[in-house]
Amino acid sequence: IVANDTDKIWNIVRQMKGGRVDIVLDNSGFELLQDVLLAHWLVSVGYASKVVFHAKRIPWYVSDVTNADFHWLVKVAENPELIGDKGMSAADENALKGLGKIWAGFLAAGIWELKDELFWTGPYGYHYLPTKGSDVWEGELIKSDVVIFKGDLNYRKLIYDLEWPITTPFVEAIGSIAADPRAPAIVALRTAKCDTITGVDADRAQELFRVRNDWMYSGEYGVIQLSAGRWKSN
């Protein structure tokens, strides 16, 4: 992890009591399972009373989470027999069924919500959320305490897919959505797979280039970055 704001993110999350977290999803499959487990934990320990997942109405890439992928995951967790022999013990299968039942209950009660706004598969970078995506920004994201953007594509759209100097602060690169005084904390969880990245210390970048020239797009490095938004005064 070449830029790591984990401690700053935790400092925000631990202050939340029944808050709202939004997750802008990336890949389906095992990665989505991890997202769902994170959301389960946030609700179970009381940091969040609501989690809103933002899927794509159509896959931007073949692996992107759609509504159908999300509901399939919950359904299979609740009914693992749907996928045949899983090689699980009876205890593990019962535990998975229990999780699936809880997740279905979260969805039914509105504790979890699933959205698939058109903006996510439109042509605009996320600088344009307050204008071209105002239904998402005004209607959803500014209501949140923390918005987590998953994956490389979401990261690239956050920083406008530009060739920033590597040391450019992440907050500066994401522009208007950081500057809005109502902005939630914005978290980027990204494995680097293209040669645009921000918020990396100059000495650290030089060290990385000495190790391997392709570190920005090798898929072996990543960032956990924060724009604190309205939490910055805390």
Protein backbone atom coordinates (compact mmCIF):
# COMPACT_ATOMS: atom_id res chain seq x y z
CA ILE A 1 0.00 0.00 0.00
CA VAL A 2 1.86 3.06 -1.26
CA ALA A 3 -0.42 5.68 0.31
CA ASN A 4 -2.31 4.62 3.40
CA ASP A 5 -4.90 6.76 5.23
CA THR A 6 -6.30 3.84 7.22
CA ASP A 7 -5.73 5.50 10.61
CA LYS A 8 -7.46 8.70 9.48
CA ILE A 9 -10.41 6.72 8.11
CA TRP A 10 -10.71 4.75 11.34
CA ASN A 11 -10.68 7.97 13.33
CA ILE A 12 -13.83 9.01 11.45
CA VAL A 13 -15.60 5.64 11.55
CA ARG A 14 -15.07 5.15 15.28
CA GLN A 15 -16.89 8.45 15.93
CA MET A 16 -19.99 7.29 14.07
CA LYS A 17 -23.01 6.13 16.00
CA GLY A 18 -25.64 4.69 13.71
CA GLY A 19 -24.35 6.61 10.70
CA ARG A 20 -24.69 6.01 6.99
CA VAL A 21 -22.06 4.45 4.74
CA ASP A 22 -22.29 4.26 0.95
CA ILE A 23 -20.22 1.79 -1.08
CA VAL A 24 -19.73 2.40 -4.81
CA LEU A 25 -19.12 -1.16 -5.90
CA ASP A 26 -16.53 -2.56 -8.29
CA ASN A 27 -16.19 -6.30 -9.02
CA SER A 28 -18.71 -9.05 -8.36
CA GLY A 29 -17.79 -12.46 -6.99
CA PHE A 30 -15.41 -12.74 -4.06
CA GLU A 31 -14.72 -8.99 -3.95
CA LEU A 32 -18.44 -8.28 -3.54
CA LEU A 33 -18.57 -10.82 -0.72
CA GLN A 34 -15.86 -8.81 1.07
CA ASP A 35 -17.87 -5.60 0.56
CA VAL A 36 -20.96 -7.27 2.00
CA LEU A 37 -19.01 -8.58 5.00
CA LEU A 38 -17.68 -5.07 5.67
CA ALA A 39 -21.23 -3.70 5.54
CA HIS A 40 -22.41 -6.48 7.86
CA TRP A 41 -19.70 -5.57 10.39
CA LEU A 42 -20.43 -1.84 10.23
CA VAL A 43 -24.09 -2.46 11.03
CA SER A 44 -23.52 -5.22 13.58
CA VAL A 45 -21.16 -3.17 15.75
CA GLY A 46 -23.32 -0.06 15.51
CA TYR A 47 -21.14 2.32 13.49
CA ALA A 48 -23.74 2.35 10.71
CA SER A 49 -27.50 2.01 10.84
CA LYS A 50 -27.73 2.21 7.04
CA VAL A 51 -25.50 1.03 4.19
CA VAL A 52 -26.30 1.95 0.60
CA PHE A 53 -24.64 -0.07 -2.16
CA HIS A 54 -24.27 1.53 -5.59
CA ALA A 55 -24.15 -1.05 -8.38
CA LYS A 56 -24.03 -0.49 -12.13
CA ARG A 57 -27.16 -0.81 -14.23
CA ILE A 58 -25.03 -2.46 -16.91
CA PRO A 59 -21.45 -3.73 -16.47
CA TRP A 60 -18.84 -1.14 -17.49
CA TYR A 61 -16.44 -4.08 -17.47
CA VAL A 62 -17.65 -7.67 -17.52
CA SER A 63 -17.03 -8.18 -13.79
CA ASP A 64 -18.84 -5.07 -12.52
CA VAL A 65 -21.54 -5.62 -9.91
CA THR A 66 -25.13 -5.29 -11.11
CA ASN A 67 -28.31 -5.57 -9.06
CA ALA A 68 -28.69 -9.17 -10.22
CA ASP A 69 -25.17 -10.05 -8.99
CA PHE A 70 -25.88 -8.58 -5.57
CA HIS A 71 -29.19 -10.36 -5.11
CA TRP A 72 -27.66 -13.62 -6.38
CA LEU A 73 -24.96 -13.44 -3.72
CA VAL A 74 -27.49 -12.95 -0.93
CA LYS A 75 -29.75 -15.69 -2.31
CA VAL A 76 -26.91 -18.21 -2.57
CA ALA A 77 -25.69 -17.38 0.93
CA GLU A 78 -29.18 -18.04 2.24
CA ASN A 79 -29.57 -21.16 0.07
CA PRO A 80 -26.09 -22.59 -0.62
CA GLU A 81 -27.61 -25.78 -1.99
CA LEU A 82 -28.34 -23.77 -5.16
CA ILE A 83 -24.71 -24.12 -6.25
CA GLY A 84 -24.37 -27.84 -5.53
CA ASP A 85 -21.40 -29.42 -3.77
CA LYS A 86 -19.41 -26.65 -2.13
CA GLY A 87 -16.97 -28.72 -0.11
CA MET A 88 -18.14 -27.00 3.09
CA SER A 89 -18.68 -28.59 6.45
CA ALA A 90 -22.22 -28.66 7.83
CA ALA A 91 -21.22 -26.06 10.41
CA ASP A 92 -19.86 -23.70 7.76
CA GLU A 93 -22.94 -24.18 5.60
CA ASN A 94 -25.23 -23.36 8.54
CA ALA A 95 -23.14 -20.28 9.35
CA LEU A 96 -23.42 -19.11 5.73
CA LYS A 97 -27.17 -19.67 5.76
CA GLY A 98 -27.38 -17.61 8.92
CA LEU A 99 -25.51 -14.74 7.27
CA GLY A 100 -27.70 -14.95 4.19
CA LYS A 101 -30.83 -14.74 6.34
CA ILE A 102 -29.46 -11.66 8.14
CA TRP A 103 -28.54 -9.99 4.83
CA ALA A 104 -31.95 -10.67 3.34
CA GLY A 105 -33.44 -9.16 6.50
CA PHE A 106 -31.23 -6.07 6.21
CA LEU A 107 -32.49 -5.55 2.64
CA ALA A 108 -36.13 -6.12 3.59
CA ALA A 109 -35.89 -3.66 6.49
CA GLY A 110 -34.12 -0.97 4.46
CA ILE A 111 -31.00 -1.17 6.62
CA TRP A 112 -29.22 -2.06 3.38
CA GLU A 113 -30.28 -0.46 0.12
CA LEU A 114 -29.19 -1.18 -3.41
CA LYS A 115 -29.09 1.60 -6.03
CA ASP A 116 -28.03 1.50 -9.68
CA GLU A 117 -28.03 5.12 -10.82
CA LEU A 118 -27.29 5.75 -14.51
CA PHE A 119 -24.50 8.21 -13.67
CA TRP A 120 -22.05 5.39 -12.87
CA THR A 121 -22.08 4.14 -16.46
CA GLY A 122 -22.23 7.58 -18.08
CA PRO A 123 -19.37 9.50 -19.71
CA TYR A 124 -18.58 11.86 -16.84
CA GLY A 125 -15.76 11.83 -14.31
CA TYR A 126 -16.81 12.22 -10.71
CA HIS A 127 -15.87 15.90 -10.70
CA TYR A 128 -19.25 16.25 -12.38
CA LEU A 129 -21.27 14.58 -9.64
CA PRO A 130 -22.62 17.91 -8.27
CA THR A 131 -23.80 18.97 -11.75
CA LYS A 132 -24.32 16.07 -14.17
CA GLY A 133 -24.94 13.61 -11.36
CA SER A 134 -26.87 15.83 -8.97
CA ASP A 135 -29.50 13.14 -8.38
CA VAL A 136 -26.74 10.97 -6.94
CA TRP A 137 -24.78 13.70 -5.19
CA GLU A 138 -27.66 15.72 -3.76
CA GLY A 139 -30.08 12.84 -3.46
CA GLU A 140 -27.75 10.28 -1.94
CA LEU A 141 -24.07 10.88 -1.27
CA ILE A 142 -24.19 14.08 0.76
CA LYS A 143 -26.57 12.28 3.13
CA SER A 144 -23.79 9.82 3.87
CA ASP A 145 -21.09 9.98 6.52
CA VAL A 146 -18.58 7.94 4.53
CA VAL A 147 -18.60 7.00 0.84
CA ILE A 148 -16.25 4.20 -0.18
CA PHE A 149 -15.24 4.04 -3.85
CA LYS A 150 -13.95 0.59 -4.75
CA GLY A 151 -11.47 -0.33 -7.45
CA ASP A 152 -9.30 1.05 -10.21
CA LEU A 153 -12.02 2.38 -12.54
CA ASN A 154 -13.78 4.31 -9.78
CA TYR A 155 -10.42 5.73 -8.70
CA ARG A 156 -9.60 6.87 -12.22
CA LYS A 157 -12.98 8.57 -12.52
CA LEU A 158 -12.48 10.19 -9.11
CA ILE A 159 -9.22 11.84 -10.22
CA TYR A 160 -10.54 12.55 -13.73
CA ASP A 161 -8.18 10.00 -15.36
CA LEU A 162 -5.46 12.63 -15.68
CA GLU A 163 -1.68 12.34 -15.53
CA TRP A 164 -1.32 14.14 -12.24
CA PRO A 165 2.10 14.63 -10.67
CA ILE A 166 2.32 11.64 -8.35
CA THR A 167 2.63 13.84 -5.26
CA THR A 168 -0.62 15.76 -5.99
CA PRO A 169 -2.81 15.47 -2.90
CA PHE A 170 -5.76 13.12 -3.40
CA VAL A 171 -8.10 15.81 -2.04
CA GLU A 172 -6.91 18.26 -4.70
CA ALA A 173 -7.27 15.73 -7.51
CA ILE A 174 -10.91 14.87 -6.75
CA GLY A 175 -11.86 18.54 -6.98
CA SER A 176 -15.40 19.75 -6.43
CA ILE A 177 -16.68 16.77 -4.47
CA ALA A 178 -13.99 17.40 -1.86
CA ALA A 179 -14.56 21.16 -1.81
CA ASP A 180 -18.31 20.99 -1.13
CA PRO A 181 -18.75 21.91 2.58
CA ARG A 182 -21.47 19.22 2.84
CA ALA A 183 -19.21 16.51 1.43
CA PRO A 184 -19.00 13.16 3.21
CA ALA A 185 -15.70 11.50 3.90
CA ILE A 186 -14.62 9.99 0.59
CA VAL A 187 -12.51 6.84 0.72
CA ALA A 188 -10.76 5.25 -2.25
CA LEU A 189 -9.75 1.57 -1.99
CA ARG A 190 -7.79 0.85 -5.15
CA THR A 191 -5.35 -1.64 -6.62
CA ALA A 192 -3.27 0.37 -9.11
CA LYS A 193 -3.67 -0.89 -12.67
CA CYS A 194 -2.91 2.20 -14.76
CA ASP A 195 -0.27 4.91 -14.80
CA THR A 196 -2.19 7.64 -13.06
CA ILE A 197 -2.05 7.97 -9.29
CA THR A 198 -2.01 10.73 -6.68
CA GLY A 199 -1.05 11.28 -3.08
CA VAL A 200 2.22 9.32 -3.06
CA ASP A 201 5.15 10.79 -1.16
CA ALA A 202 8.02 11.82 -3.47
CA ASP A 203 10.63 9.70 -1.67
CA ARG A 204 8.31 6.71 -1.68
CA ALA A 205 7.69 7.14 -5.42
CA GLN A 206 11.42 7.27 -6.15
CA GLU A 207 11.93 4.12 -4.10
CA LEU A 208 9.18 2.35 -6.03
CA PHE A 209 10.61 3.33 -9.41
CA ARG A 210 13.98 1.92 -8.33
CA VAL A 211 12.29 -1.39 -7.53
CA ARG A 212 10.18 -1.63 -10.72
CA ASN A 213 9.13 0.81 -13.41
CA ASP A 214 5.65 -0.68 -13.79
CA TRP A 215 4.57 -0.29 -10.17
CA MET A 216 1.70 2.04 -11.09
CA TYR A 217 0.00 -0.55 -13.31
CA SER A 218 1.36 -3.93 -12.23
CA GLY A 219 -1.65 -4.69 -10.03
CA GLU A 220 0.68 -5.40 -7.10
CA TYR A 221 0.39 -2.02 -5.36
CA GLY A 222 -2.55 -0.07 -4.06
CA VAL A 223 -3.79 2.95 -2.15
CA ILE A 224 -6.20 3.59 0.71
CA GLN A 225 -6.91 7.32 0.48
CA LEU A 226 -9.20 9.77 2.22
CA SER A 227 -10.82 13.11 1.60
CA ALA A 228 -12.24 13.95 5.03
CA GLY A 229 -15.02 16.21 3.74
CA ARG A 230 -17.13 17.71 6.50
CA TRP A 231 -15.25 15.53 9.02
CA LYS A 232 -12.03 17.51 8.52
CA SER A 233 -12.77 19.76 11.48
CA ASN A 234 -13.04 16.75 13.81
